Amino acid sequence: MTVAGGILLTKDGKVVGAIGVSGGSGHQHQGVAEAGEAAF
Protein backbone atom coordinates (compact mmCIF):
# COMPACT_ATOMS: atom_id res chain seq x y z
CA MET A 1 0.00 0.00 0.00
CA THR A 2 1.35 3.42 -0.94
CA VAL A 3 0.30 6.54 0.91
CA ALA A 4 0.88 10.19 0.08
CA GLY A 5 4.17 11.36 1.55
CA GLY A 6 5.78 7.92 1.72
CA ILE A 7 8.66 7.24 -0.67
CA LEU A 8 11.26 4.48 -0.69
CA LEU A 9 14.82 5.54 -1.44
CA THR A 10 16.77 3.15 -3.63
CA LYS A 11 20.35 2.95 -4.79
CA ASP A 12 21.62 0.39 -7.29
CA GLY A 13 18.22 -1.32 -7.17
CA LYS A 14 18.24 -1.80 -3.37
CA VAL A 15 16.12 -0.03 -0.78
CA VAL A 16 18.45 2.05 1.40
CA GLY A 17 15.94 4.21 3.23
CA ALA A 18 12.62 5.95 3.11
CA ILE A 19 10.99 9.33 3.55
CA GLY A 20 7.75 9.76 5.46
CA VAL A 21 6.04 13.14 5.71
CA SER A 22 2.93 14.11 7.65
CA GLY A 23 1.29 17.17 9.12
CA GLY A 24 -0.41 18.75 6.11
CA SER A 25 -2.60 17.66 3.24
CA GLY A 26 -1.80 14.57 1.16
CA HIS A 27 -0.77 16.83 -1.71
CA GLN A 28 1.66 18.71 0.56
CA HIS A 29 3.06 15.45 1.97
CA GLN A 30 3.79 14.13 -1.50
CA GLY A 31 5.42 17.36 -2.68
CA VAL A 32 7.77 17.50 0.31
CA ALA A 33 8.64 13.80 0.03
CA GLU A 34 9.40 14.17 -3.69
CA ALA A 35 11.66 17.16 -2.97
CA GLY A 36 13.57 15.07 -0.47
CA GLU A 37 13.84 12.22 -2.96
CA ALA A 38 15.22 14.60 -5.60
CA ALA A 39 17.86 15.84 -3.14
CA PHE A 40 18.87 12.26 -2.39
C-alpha atoms as a PDB file:
ATOM      1  CA  MET A   1       0.000   0.000   0.000  1.00  0.00           C
ATOM      2  CA  THR A   2       1.346   3.423  -0.937  1.00  0.00           C
ATOM      3  CA  VAL A   3       0.296   6.535   0.914  1.00  0.00           C
ATOM      4  CA  ALA A   4       0.885  10.191   0.076  1.00  0.00           C
ATOM      5  CA  GLY A   5       4.167  11.358   1.548  1.00  0.00           C
ATOM      6  CA  GLY A   6       5.777   7.925   1.722  1.00  0.00           C
ATOM      7  CA  ILE A   7       8.657   7.237  -0.673  1.00  0.00           C
ATOM      8  CA  LEU A   8      11.257   4.480  -0.691  1.00  0.00           C
ATOM      9  CA  LEU A   9      14.819   5.540  -1.445  1.00  0.00           C
ATOM     10  CA  THR A  10      16.769   3.153  -3.631  1.00  0.00           C
ATOM     11  CA  LYS A  11      20.353   2.947  -4.788  1.00  0.00           C
ATOM     12  CA  ASP A  12      21.618   0.391  -7.286  1.00  0.00           C
ATOM     13  CA  GLY A  13      18.220  -1.316  -7.170  1.00  0.00           C
ATOM     14  CA  LYS A  14      18.236  -1.798  -3.369  1.00  0.00           C
ATOM     15  CA  VAL A  15      16.118  -0.026  -0.779  1.00  0.00           C
ATOM     16  CA  VAL A  16      18.453   2.048   1.397  1.00  0.00           C
ATOM     17  CA  GLY A  17      15.943   4.212   3.234  1.00  0.00           C
ATOM     18  CA  ALA A  18      12.616   5.954   3.113  1.00  0.00           C
ATOM     19  CA  ILE A  19      10.991   9.333   3.549  1.00  0.00           C
ATOM     20  CA  GLY A  20       7.753   9.760   5.462  1.00  0.00           C
ATOM     21  CA  VAL A  21       6.037  13.142   5.705  1.00  0.00           C
ATOM     22  CA  SER A  22       2.925  14.115   7.651  1.00  0.00           C
ATOM     23  CA  GLY A  23       1.287  17.173   9.121  1.00  0.00           C
ATOM     24  CA  GLY A  24      -0.411  18.750   6.109  1.00  0.00           C
ATOM     25  CA  SER A  25      -2.600  17.658   3.242  1.00  0.00           C
ATOM     26  CA  GLY A  26      -1.797  14.574   1.162  1.00  0.00           C
ATOM     27  CA  HIS A  27      -0.766  16.834  -1.708  1.00  0.00           C
ATOM     28  CA  GLN A  28       1.664  18.711   0.558  1.00  0.00           C
ATOM     29  CA  HIS A  29       3.063  15.455   1.972  1.00  0.00           C
ATOM     30  CA  GLN A  30       3.794  14.125  -1.502  1.00  0.00           C
ATOM     31  CA  GLY A  31       5.423  17.360  -2.676  1.00  0.00           C
ATOM     32  CA  VAL A  32       7.772  17.502   0.305  1.00  0.00           C
ATOM     33  CA  ALA A  33       8.644  13.795   0.027  1.00  0.00           C
ATOM     34  CA  GLU A  34       9.398  14.172  -3.689  1.00  0.00           C
ATOM     35  CA  ALA A  35      11.655  17.160  -2.972  1.00  0.00           C
ATOM     36  CA  GLY A  36      13.570  15.069  -0.468  1.00  0.00           C
ATOM     37  CA  GLU A  37      13.845  12.218  -2.960  1.00  0.00           C
ATOM     38  CA  ALA A  38      15.224  14.599  -5.597  1.00  0.00           C
ATOM     39  CA  ALA A  39      17.857  15.841  -3.141  1.00  0.00           C
ATOM     40  CA  PHE A  40      18.870  12.264  -2.394  1.00  0.00           C
END
